[in-house]
Amino acid sequence: MTEQLSEADLSRVIEMAWEDRTPFEAIEQLYGLAESDVIKLMRQQLKPSSFRLWRQRVGGRTTKHAALRHPDVQRAYCASQYKLSR
């Protein structure tokens, strides 16, 4: 599945995986990659030490799993996260 991603898409998936508030379900919805696929992709694309840091970071984070999120949170990212270019 990851072979079908463009360089830009691959970069965006990695960025989304690093973001604290982007759940794996959002990545799956946009790119068709399940959590296990994202883990494989991150293992392939990151240095071993960076991969270990990432796994530690997302391991216990409830915001990375939609089912564990507070029901009031309906979005995958903060509305002010992306800046508009002028």
N, C-alpha and C. Protein backbone atom coordinates (compact mmCIF):
# COMPACT_ATOMS: atom_id res chain seq x y z
N MET A 1 0.83 -1.20 0.00
CA MET A 1 0.00 0.00 0.00
C MET A 1 0.86 1.25 0.00
N THR A 2 1.94 1.27 0.77
CA THR A 2 2.77 2.47 0.85
C THR A 2 3.52 2.74 -0.45
N GLU A 3 3.67 1.71 -1.30
CA GLU A 3 4.34 1.90 -2.58
C GLU A 3 3.53 2.82 -3.49
N GLN A 4 2.23 2.93 -3.24
CA GLN A 4 1.35 3.73 -4.08
C GLN A 4 1.31 5.20 -3.67
N LEU A 5 1.94 5.54 -2.57
CA LEU A 5 1.92 6.91 -2.09
C LEU A 5 2.99 7.75 -2.79
N SER A 6 2.63 8.97 -3.15
CA SER A 6 3.62 9.89 -3.70
C SER A 6 4.54 10.35 -2.57
N GLU A 7 5.63 10.99 -2.92
CA GLU A 7 6.55 11.52 -1.90
C GLU A 7 5.83 12.52 -1.00
N ALA A 8 4.99 13.35 -1.59
CA ALA A 8 4.25 14.34 -0.81
C ALA A 8 3.28 13.66 0.15
N ASP A 9 2.58 12.63 -0.32
CA ASP A 9 1.65 11.90 0.54
C ASP A 9 2.39 11.17 1.64
N LEU A 10 3.51 10.56 1.30
CA LEU A 10 4.32 9.86 2.29
C LEU A 10 4.77 10.82 3.38
N SER A 11 5.22 11.99 2.97
CA SER A 11 5.65 13.02 3.92
C SER A 11 4.49 13.45 4.81
N ARG A 12 3.32 13.61 4.22
CA ARG A 12 2.14 14.04 4.99
C ARG A 12 1.71 12.97 5.98
N VAL A 13 1.75 11.70 5.59
CA VAL A 13 1.39 10.62 6.51
C VAL A 13 2.34 10.62 7.71
N ILE A 14 3.63 10.78 7.46
CA ILE A 14 4.60 10.81 8.55
C ILE A 14 4.32 12.00 9.46
N GLU A 15 4.03 13.15 8.86
CA GLU A 15 3.71 14.34 9.65
C GLU A 15 2.46 14.10 10.50
N MET A 16 1.44 13.52 9.92
CA MET A 16 0.20 13.25 10.66
C MET A 16 0.45 12.24 11.78
N ALA A 17 1.30 11.26 11.53
CA ALA A 17 1.60 10.26 12.56
C ALA A 17 2.32 10.90 13.75
N TRP A 18 3.15 11.90 13.49
CA TRP A 18 3.87 12.60 14.56
C TRP A 18 2.96 13.55 15.33
N GLU A 19 1.92 14.07 14.68
CA GLU A 19 1.03 15.03 15.34
C GLU A 19 0.28 14.36 16.49
N ASP A 20 0.23 15.02 17.61
CA ASP A 20 -0.41 14.45 18.79
C ASP A 20 -1.91 14.27 18.62
N ARG A 21 -2.56 15.19 17.97
CA ARG A 21 -4.02 15.18 17.92
C ARG A 21 -4.61 14.55 16.67
N THR A 22 -3.80 14.02 15.80
CA THR A 22 -4.32 13.37 14.59
C THR A 22 -4.45 11.88 14.87
N PRO A 23 -5.67 11.36 14.92
CA PRO A 23 -5.85 9.93 15.22
C PRO A 23 -5.47 9.06 14.02
N PHE A 24 -5.12 7.82 14.30
CA PHE A 24 -4.80 6.89 13.23
C PHE A 24 -5.98 6.71 12.28
N GLU A 25 -7.18 6.85 12.80
CA GLU A 25 -8.38 6.70 11.96
C GLU A 25 -8.43 7.78 10.87
N ALA A 26 -7.94 8.97 11.17
CA ALA A 26 -7.91 10.05 10.17
C ALA A 26 -6.93 9.70 9.06
N ILE A 27 -5.80 9.11 9.41
CA ILE A 27 -4.83 8.69 8.41
C ILE A 27 -5.43 7.59 7.54
N GLU A 28 -6.13 6.67 8.18
CA GLU A 28 -6.76 5.58 7.42
C GLU A 28 -7.83 6.11 6.48
N GLN A 29 -8.61 7.06 6.95
CA GLN A 29 -9.67 7.63 6.12
C GLN A 29 -9.08 8.36 4.90
N LEU A 30 -8.01 9.11 5.10
CA LEU A 30 -7.42 9.89 4.01
C LEU A 30 -6.53 9.08 3.07
N TYR A 31 -5.77 8.14 3.64
CA TYR A 31 -4.76 7.44 2.85
C TYR A 31 -4.95 5.93 2.77
N GLY A 32 -5.93 5.39 3.47
CA GLY A 32 -6.19 3.95 3.42
C GLY A 32 -5.18 3.11 4.18
N LEU A 33 -4.44 3.72 5.10
CA LEU A 33 -3.44 3.01 5.89
C LEU A 33 -3.95 2.77 7.30
N ALA A 34 -4.09 1.52 7.68
CA ALA A 34 -4.50 1.17 9.04
C ALA A 34 -3.35 1.48 9.99
N GLU A 35 -3.63 1.46 11.28
CA GLU A 35 -2.60 1.75 12.28
C GLU A 35 -1.37 0.87 12.09
N SER A 36 -1.57 -0.41 11.84
CA SER A 36 -0.43 -1.32 11.65
C SER A 36 0.38 -0.94 10.41
N ASP A 37 -0.29 -0.45 9.37
CA ASP A 37 0.42 0.01 8.16
C ASP A 37 1.24 1.25 8.46
N VAL A 38 0.68 2.15 9.26
CA VAL A 38 1.40 3.37 9.63
C VAL A 38 2.64 3.01 10.45
N ILE A 39 2.50 2.06 11.36
CA ILE A 39 3.65 1.62 12.17
C ILE A 39 4.74 1.05 11.26
N LYS A 40 4.34 0.21 10.29
CA LYS A 40 5.32 -0.35 9.35
C LYS A 40 6.00 0.76 8.55
N LEU A 41 5.21 1.71 8.08
CA LEU A 41 5.75 2.82 7.31
C LEU A 41 6.74 3.62 8.13
N MET A 42 6.38 3.92 9.36
CA MET A 42 7.27 4.69 10.23
C MET A 42 8.55 3.91 10.51
N ARG A 43 8.44 2.62 10.69
CA ARG A 43 9.63 1.78 10.93
C ARG A 43 10.56 1.83 9.72
N GLN A 44 9.98 1.83 8.52
CA GLN A 44 10.78 1.86 7.29
C GLN A 44 11.40 3.23 7.04
N GLN A 45 10.67 4.29 7.35
CA GLN A 45 11.08 5.63 6.95
C GLN A 45 11.93 6.37 7.98
N LEU A 46 11.82 6.01 9.25
CA LEU A 46 12.55 6.72 10.31
C LEU A 46 13.81 5.97 10.70
N LYS A 47 14.75 6.70 11.26
CA LYS A 47 15.92 6.06 11.86
C LYS A 47 15.42 5.26 13.06
N PRO A 48 16.12 4.19 13.42
CA PRO A 48 15.67 3.35 14.54
C PRO A 48 15.41 4.14 15.82
N SER A 49 16.28 5.08 16.15
CA SER A 49 16.09 5.86 17.38
C SER A 49 14.85 6.75 17.28
N SER A 50 14.61 7.32 16.10
CA SER A 50 13.42 8.16 15.90
C SER A 50 12.15 7.32 15.97
N PHE A 51 12.21 6.11 15.41
CA PHE A 51 11.06 5.22 15.47
C PHE A 51 10.73 4.87 16.92
N ARG A 52 11.74 4.55 17.70
CA ARG A 52 11.51 4.22 19.11
C ARG A 52 10.90 5.40 19.86
N LEU A 53 11.40 6.60 19.60
CA LEU A 53 10.83 7.81 20.22
C LEU A 53 9.37 7.98 19.84
N TRP A 54 9.07 7.80 18.56
CA TRP A 54 7.70 7.94 18.08
C TRP A 54 6.78 6.91 18.74
N ARG A 55 7.23 5.66 18.82
CA ARG A 55 6.40 4.60 19.42
C ARG A 55 6.13 4.91 20.89
N GLN A 56 7.13 5.39 21.59
CA GLN A 56 6.96 5.78 22.99
C GLN A 56 5.93 6.90 23.08
N ARG A 57 6.05 7.85 22.19
CA ARG A 57 5.19 9.04 22.21
C ARG A 57 3.72 8.69 21.96
N VAL A 58 3.45 7.85 20.97
CA VAL A 58 2.06 7.56 20.62
C VAL A 58 1.49 6.37 21.40
N GLY A 59 2.34 5.64 22.10
CA GLY A 59 1.91 4.43 22.79
C GLY A 59 0.74 4.63 23.75
N GLY A 60 0.82 5.60 24.61
CA GLY A 60 -0.23 5.79 25.59
C GLY A 60 -1.10 7.01 25.34
N ARG A 61 -1.01 7.56 24.16
CA ARG A 61 -1.71 8.82 23.86
C ARG A 61 -3.14 8.54 23.39
N THR A 62 -4.10 8.97 24.17
CA THR A 62 -5.51 8.72 23.81
C THR A 62 -5.93 9.50 22.58
N THR A 63 -5.27 10.60 22.28
CA THR A 63 -5.67 11.41 21.13
C THR A 63 -5.33 10.73 19.80
N LYS A 64 -4.49 9.70 19.82
CA LYS A 64 -4.13 9.01 18.58
C LYS A 64 -5.15 7.93 18.21
N HIS A 65 -6.13 7.69 19.07
CA HIS A 65 -7.15 6.69 18.80
C HIS A 65 -8.52 7.31 19.01
N ALA A 66 -9.30 7.37 17.96
CA ALA A 66 -10.61 8.03 18.03
C ALA A 66 -11.51 7.41 19.09
N ALA A 67 -11.43 6.11 19.27
CA ALA A 67 -12.30 5.44 20.24
C ALA A 67 -11.97 5.84 21.68
N LEU A 68 -10.76 6.30 21.93
CA LEU A 68 -10.35 6.68 23.28
C LEU A 68 -10.52 8.17 23.55
N ARG A 69 -10.88 8.92 22.52
CA ARG A 69 -11.02 10.37 22.67
C ARG A 69 -12.28 10.73 23.44
N HIS A 70 -12.26 11.91 24.01
CA HIS A 70 -13.45 12.44 24.66
C HIS A 70 -14.51 12.65 23.59
N PRO A 71 -15.77 12.31 23.85
CA PRO A 71 -16.81 12.41 22.82
C PRO A 71 -17.04 13.82 22.28
N ASP A 72 -16.63 14.84 23.01
CA ASP A 72 -16.81 16.21 22.54
C ASP A 72 -15.84 16.59 21.42
N VAL A 73 -14.75 15.83 21.26
CA VAL A 73 -13.76 16.14 20.22
C VAL A 73 -14.21 15.49 18.92
N GLN A 74 -14.58 16.31 17.95
CA GLN A 74 -15.11 15.81 16.69
C GLN A 74 -14.17 16.04 15.51
N ARG A 75 -13.00 16.62 15.74
CA ARG A 75 -12.09 16.93 14.65
C ARG A 75 -10.76 16.23 14.88
N ALA A 76 -9.97 16.15 13.82
CA ALA A 76 -8.69 15.47 13.90
C ALA A 76 -7.54 16.44 14.17
N TYR A 77 -7.80 17.74 14.04
CA TYR A 77 -6.73 18.71 14.24
C TYR A 77 -7.30 20.00 14.78
N CYS A 78 -6.44 20.81 15.33
CA CYS A 78 -6.83 22.10 15.87
C CYS A 78 -7.15 23.05 14.72
N ALA A 79 -8.21 23.82 14.84
CA ALA A 79 -8.62 24.72 13.77
C ALA A 79 -7.56 25.76 13.43
N SER A 80 -6.73 26.13 14.39
CA SER A 80 -5.69 27.13 14.14
C SER A 80 -4.34 26.49 13.78
N GLN A 81 -4.34 25.18 13.57
CA GLN A 81 -3.09 24.47 13.31
C GLN A 81 -2.47 24.86 11.98
N TYR A 82 -3.27 25.02 10.97
CA TYR A 82 -2.75 25.32 9.64
C TYR A 82 -2.91 26.81 9.34
N LYS A 83 -1.84 27.41 8.92
CA LYS A 83 -1.88 28.84 8.63
C LYS A 83 -2.18 29.04 7.15
N LEU A 84 -2.98 29.99 6.86
CA LEU A 84 -3.31 30.31 5.48
C LEU A 84 -2.22 31.21 4.90
N SER A 85 -1.82 30.91 3.68
CA SER A 85 -0.83 31.79 3.06
C SER A 85 -1.54 32.99 2.45
N ARG A 86 -0.93 34.11 2.57
CA ARG A 86 -1.55 35.34 2.06
C ARG A 86 -0.73 35.92 0.96
